[in-house]
Amino acid sequence: MNINQQRIALFEKDLHESFEIEHLIIDDESHLHAGHAGAASGGGHFKVAIVSPAFKGIHLVGRHRAIYAALHKHIPKEIHALTILAYAPGEYLA
């Protein structure tokens, strides 16, 4: 297991501790940013797609804030950049 796979496992754990999750995908997109200044610091670029009832009735900014709060201990050391797709049940079509 490489370092970013280990990081993803920790991110998943923290998200599951913070939210009831119906669907979760975390992709390592660090390879798309090779040569970027943030890549040199060791922090990765990740994309999170998450479906949780916790997001029902919550606006986009509130959803993002909740995700950042759940992952705060990983920013900026392990997470340099984070793309977030946060949905309430019924909003996400896989």
C-alpha atoms as a PDB file:
ATOM      1  CA  MET A   1       0.000   0.000   0.000  1.00  0.00           C
ATOM      2  CA  ASN A   2       1.539   3.351  -1.030  1.00  0.00           C
ATOM      3  CA  ILE A   3       1.463   6.506   1.079  1.00  0.00           C
ATOM      4  CA  ASN A   4      -1.603   7.997  -0.619  1.00  0.00           C
ATOM      5  CA  GLN A   5      -3.542   4.738  -0.239  1.00  0.00           C
ATOM      6  CA  GLN A   6      -2.716   4.867   3.466  1.00  0.00           C
ATOM      7  CA  ARG A   7      -3.863   8.478   3.575  1.00  0.00           C
ATOM      8  CA  ILE A   8      -7.125   7.602   1.822  1.00  0.00           C
ATOM      9  CA  ALA A   9      -7.813   4.909   4.424  1.00  0.00           C
ATOM     10  CA  LEU A  10      -7.391   7.527   7.180  1.00  0.00           C
ATOM     11  CA  PHE A  11      -9.611  10.015   5.335  1.00  0.00           C
ATOM     12  CA  GLU A  12     -12.311   7.338   4.965  1.00  0.00           C
ATOM     13  CA  LYS A  13     -12.108   6.568   8.680  1.00  0.00           C
ATOM     14  CA  ASP A  14     -12.490  10.231   9.644  1.00  0.00           C
ATOM     15  CA  LEU A  15     -15.387  10.780   7.241  1.00  0.00           C
ATOM     16  CA  HIS A  16     -17.198   7.681   8.540  1.00  0.00           C
ATOM     17  CA  GLU A  17     -16.738   8.970  12.089  1.00  0.00           C
ATOM     18  CA  SER A  18     -18.275  12.323  11.097  1.00  0.00           C
ATOM     19  CA  PHE A  19     -21.118  11.272   8.791  1.00  0.00           C
ATOM     20  CA  GLU A  20     -23.593   8.524   8.093  1.00  0.00           C
ATOM     21  CA  ILE A  21     -22.391   7.641   4.594  1.00  0.00           C
ATOM     22  CA  GLU A  22     -24.375   5.957   1.844  1.00  0.00           C
ATOM     23  CA  HIS A  23     -21.666   6.249  -0.802  1.00  0.00           C
ATOM     24  CA  LEU A  24     -18.014   7.321  -0.648  1.00  0.00           C
ATOM     25  CA  ILE A  25     -15.256   7.444  -3.239  1.00  0.00           C
ATOM     26  CA  ILE A  26     -11.898   9.078  -2.626  1.00  0.00           C
ATOM     27  CA  ASP A  27      -9.595   9.347  -5.619  1.00  0.00           C
ATOM     28  CA  ASP A  28      -5.923  10.225  -5.518  1.00  0.00           C
ATOM     29  CA  GLU A  29      -5.438  12.800  -8.284  1.00  0.00           C
ATOM     30  CA  SER A  30      -1.889  13.702  -7.287  1.00  0.00           C
ATOM     31  CA  HIS A  31      -0.462  12.350 -10.533  1.00  0.00           C
ATOM     32  CA  LEU A  32      -2.437  15.011 -12.425  1.00  0.00           C
ATOM     33  CA  HIS A  33      -0.530  17.716 -10.568  1.00  0.00           C
ATOM     34  CA  ALA A  34       3.052  16.491 -10.885  1.00  0.00           C
ATOM     35  CA  GLY A  35       5.416  19.451 -10.848  1.00  0.00           C
ATOM     36  CA  HIS A  36       2.892  21.659  -9.018  1.00  0.00           C
ATOM     37  CA  ALA A  37       4.363  23.542  -6.061  1.00  0.00           C
ATOM     38  CA  GLY A  38       2.022  21.777  -3.610  1.00  0.00           C
ATOM     39  CA  ALA A  39       3.132  18.386  -4.866  1.00  0.00           C
ATOM     40  CA  ALA A  40       6.679  19.196  -3.784  1.00  0.00           C
ATOM     41  CA  SER A  41       5.536  19.678  -0.175  1.00  0.00           C
ATOM     42  CA  GLY A  42       4.312  16.087   0.040  1.00  0.00           C
ATOM     43  CA  GLY A  43       0.614  16.883   0.283  1.00  0.00           C
ATOM     44  CA  GLY A  44      -1.614  15.104  -2.204  1.00  0.00           C
ATOM     45  CA  HIS A  45      -4.463  16.155  -4.441  1.00  0.00           C
ATOM     46  CA  PHE A  46      -7.643  14.217  -3.715  1.00  0.00           C
ATOM     47  CA  LYS A  47     -11.229  14.103  -4.942  1.00  0.00           C
ATOM     48  CA  VAL A  48     -14.037  13.105  -2.568  1.00  0.00           C
ATOM     49  CA  ALA A  49     -17.500  12.066  -3.743  1.00  0.00           C
ATOM     50  CA  ILE A  50     -19.768  11.503  -0.755  1.00  0.00           C
ATOM     51  CA  VAL A  51     -23.490  10.885  -0.246  1.00  0.00           C
ATOM     52  CA  SER A  52     -24.849  11.452   3.243  1.00  0.00           C
ATOM     53  CA  PRO A  53     -28.230  12.262   4.764  1.00  0.00           C
ATOM     54  CA  ALA A  54     -26.343  14.895   6.782  1.00  0.00           C
ATOM     55  CA  PHE A  55     -26.276  17.073   3.667  1.00  0.00           C
ATOM     56  CA  LYS A  56     -30.044  17.211   3.207  1.00  0.00           C
ATOM     57  CA  GLY A  57     -31.124  20.837   3.280  1.00  0.00           C
ATOM     58  CA  ILE A  58     -27.511  22.072   3.581  1.00  0.00           C
ATOM     59  CA  HIS A  59     -26.186  24.456   0.939  1.00  0.00           C
ATOM     60  CA  LEU A  60     -23.009  23.665  -1.013  1.00  0.00           C
ATOM     61  CA  VAL A  61     -20.737  25.848   1.103  1.00  0.00           C
ATOM     62  CA  GLY A  62     -22.042  24.243   4.299  1.00  0.00           C
ATOM     63  CA  ARG A  63     -21.390  20.775   2.889  1.00  0.00           C
ATOM     64  CA  HIS A  64     -17.835  21.727   1.979  1.00  0.00           C
ATOM     65  CA  ARG A  65     -17.240  23.232   5.409  1.00  0.00           C
ATOM     66  CA  ALA A  66     -18.435  19.995   7.023  1.00  0.00           C
ATOM     67  CA  ILE A  67     -16.055  17.917   4.890  1.00  0.00           C
ATOM     68  CA  TYR A  68     -13.136  20.243   5.659  1.00  0.00           C
ATOM     69  CA  ALA A  69     -13.983  20.062   9.373  1.00  0.00           C
ATOM     70  CA  ALA A  70     -13.975  16.246   9.249  1.00  0.00           C
ATOM     71  CA  LEU A  71     -10.594  16.211   7.481  1.00  0.00           C
ATOM     72  CA  HIS A  72      -9.005  19.257   9.152  1.00  0.00           C
ATOM     73  CA  LYS A  73      -6.165  17.333  10.796  1.00  0.00           C
ATOM     74  CA  HIS A  74      -4.935  16.220   7.356  1.00  0.00           C
ATOM     75  CA  ILE A  75      -4.811  19.717   5.851  1.00  0.00           C
ATOM     76  CA  PRO A  76      -2.292  20.904   4.628  1.00  0.00           C
ATOM     77  CA  LYS A  77       0.233  18.153   5.407  1.00  0.00           C
ATOM     78  CA  GLU A  78      -1.475  15.145   3.771  1.00  0.00           C
ATOM     79  CA  ILE A  79      -4.056  17.040   1.708  1.00  0.00           C
ATOM     80  CA  HIS A  80      -2.736  19.897  -0.381  1.00  0.00           C
ATOM     81  CA  ALA A  81      -5.843  20.176  -2.562  1.00  0.00           C
ATOM     82  CA  LEU A  82      -9.317  18.690  -2.250  1.00  0.00           C
ATOM     83  CA  THR A  83     -12.121  18.496  -4.787  1.00  0.00           C
ATOM     84  CA  ILE A  84     -15.453  17.859  -3.070  1.00  0.00           C
ATOM     85  CA  LEU A  85     -18.650  16.443  -4.540  1.00  0.00           C
ATOM     86  CA  ALA A  86     -21.092  16.253  -1.618  1.00  0.00           C
ATOM     87  CA  TYR A  87     -24.653  15.056  -2.112  1.00  0.00           C
ATOM     88  CA  ALA A  88     -27.724  14.267  -0.082  1.00  0.00           C
ATOM     89  CA  PRO A  89     -29.481  10.967  -0.903  1.00  0.00           C
ATOM     90  CA  GLY A  90     -31.406  11.242  -4.142  1.00  0.00           C
ATOM     91  CA  GLU A  91     -29.095  13.914  -5.581  1.00  0.00           C
ATOM     92  CA  TYR A  92     -26.342  11.551  -6.706  1.00  0.00           C
ATOM     93  CA  LEU A  93     -26.710   9.288  -9.708  1.00  0.00           C
ATOM     94  CA  ALA A  94     -23.856   6.797  -9.869  1.00  0.00           C
END
